[in-house]
Amino acid sequence: MNYNITGKHLDISEAVHSYVEDKLGGLDTQNVTSAQVTLRAENHLKIAEATIHLASGKTIHGDAAHEDMYAAIDLLSDVLDKQIRKHKEKLHEHR
């Protein structure tokens, strides 16, 4: 899977970069072809946003905010996982 991880108003450390790859690597990797992740800081919140492209051609977008960047990434991973599962269920229902 291709990862494009960028930061707005903050520098992304190697630890955060590898943490994002680990968390998004846990998603259904058979369906995910690429991921664009943007991490940014606004006031006291850290915001993680991602756009994921699936093999079926569908694009999924999710975002999450928390005071801690790692917690925001965890929440983002949960949001994306839920959306991917929902998409897979729809595909199986229509067959």
Protein backbone atom coordinates (compact mmCIF):
# COMPACT_ATOMS: atom_id res chain seq x y z
CA MET A 1 0.00 0.00 0.00
CA ASN A 2 1.20 3.51 -0.79
CA TYR A 3 1.30 5.95 2.12
CA ASN A 4 1.57 9.70 1.68
CA ILE A 5 1.82 11.26 5.14
CA THR A 6 2.02 15.03 5.46
CA GLY A 7 1.89 17.48 8.34
CA LYS A 8 0.43 20.95 8.51
CA HIS A 9 1.72 23.28 11.22
CA LEU A 10 3.80 20.49 12.74
CA ASP A 11 6.77 18.30 11.94
CA ILE A 12 6.13 14.58 11.69
CA SER A 13 8.65 12.50 13.58
CA GLU A 14 9.75 9.08 12.42
CA ALA A 15 7.89 7.54 15.38
CA VAL A 16 4.58 9.15 14.34
CA HIS A 17 5.21 8.19 10.71
CA SER A 18 5.75 4.52 11.60
CA TYR A 19 2.77 4.59 14.00
CA VAL A 20 0.48 5.77 11.19
CA GLU A 21 1.79 3.03 8.91
CA ASP A 22 1.25 0.40 11.61
CA LYS A 23 -2.30 1.53 12.38
CA LEU A 24 -3.36 1.84 8.74
CA GLY A 25 -1.56 -1.38 7.89
CA GLY A 26 -4.05 -3.12 10.16
CA LEU A 27 -6.89 -2.14 7.85
CA ASP A 28 -8.13 -4.58 5.24
CA THR A 29 -5.02 -4.40 3.06
CA GLN A 30 -6.49 -6.49 0.24
CA ASN A 31 -8.92 -3.70 -0.58
CA VAL A 32 -6.79 -0.63 0.19
CA THR A 33 -4.51 0.54 -2.62
CA SER A 34 -3.28 3.93 -1.33
CA ALA A 35 -3.69 6.30 1.59
CA GLN A 36 -3.20 10.08 1.88
CA VAL A 37 -2.87 11.06 5.55
CA THR A 38 -2.70 14.65 6.80
CA LEU A 39 -1.81 15.42 10.41
CA ARG A 40 -2.31 18.94 11.67
CA ALA A 41 -2.52 20.99 14.83
CA GLU A 42 -5.21 23.57 15.51
CA ASN A 43 -5.32 25.35 18.84
CA HIS A 44 -5.02 22.58 21.43
CA LEU A 45 -6.36 19.79 19.16
CA LYS A 46 -4.43 17.42 16.95
CA ILE A 47 -6.38 16.42 13.85
CA ALA A 48 -5.76 13.34 11.71
CA GLU A 49 -7.41 13.12 8.29
CA ALA A 50 -7.11 10.37 5.70
CA THR A 51 -8.35 9.64 2.23
CA ILE A 52 -8.14 5.98 1.26
CA HIS A 53 -8.57 4.55 -2.20
CA LEU A 54 -9.99 1.04 -2.41
CA ALA A 55 -9.38 -1.53 -5.13
CA SER A 56 -13.07 -1.35 -6.04
CA GLY A 57 -12.59 2.31 -7.04
CA LYS A 58 -14.33 3.72 -3.97
CA THR A 59 -12.70 6.56 -2.03
CA ILE A 60 -13.17 6.76 1.73
CA HIS A 61 -12.45 9.86 3.81
CA GLY A 62 -12.24 10.04 7.57
CA ASP A 63 -11.03 12.43 10.22
CA ALA A 64 -10.58 12.45 13.96
CA ALA A 65 -9.50 15.01 16.56
CA HIS A 66 -8.01 14.63 20.02
CA GLU A 67 -5.62 16.45 22.30
CA ASP A 68 -3.00 13.73 21.73
CA MET A 69 -1.77 12.93 18.21
CA TYR A 70 -1.49 9.19 18.85
CA ALA A 71 -5.07 9.08 20.17
CA ALA A 72 -6.27 10.99 17.10
CA ILE A 73 -4.55 8.42 14.87
CA ASP A 74 -6.19 5.59 16.83
CA LEU A 75 -9.61 7.21 16.42
CA LEU A 76 -8.97 7.75 12.70
CA SER A 77 -8.06 4.09 12.28
CA ASP A 78 -11.32 3.06 13.97
CA VAL A 79 -13.36 5.39 11.75
CA LEU A 80 -11.74 4.10 8.57
CA ASP A 81 -12.07 0.47 9.63
CA LYS A 82 -15.77 0.95 10.27
CA GLN A 83 -16.28 2.56 6.86
CA ILE A 84 -14.35 -0.19 5.07
CA ARG A 85 -16.39 -2.89 6.83
CA LYS A 86 -19.60 -1.09 5.89
CA HIS A 87 -18.48 -0.90 2.27
CA LYS A 88 -17.59 -4.62 2.21
CA GLU A 89 -20.99 -5.53 3.68
CA LYS A 90 -22.71 -3.54 0.96
CA LEU A 91 -20.72 -5.36 -1.71
CA HIS A 92 -21.64 -8.76 -0.29
CA GLU A 93 -25.33 -7.86 0.07
CA HIS A 94 -25.65 -6.89 -3.59
CA ARG A 95 -24.15 -10.08 -4.99
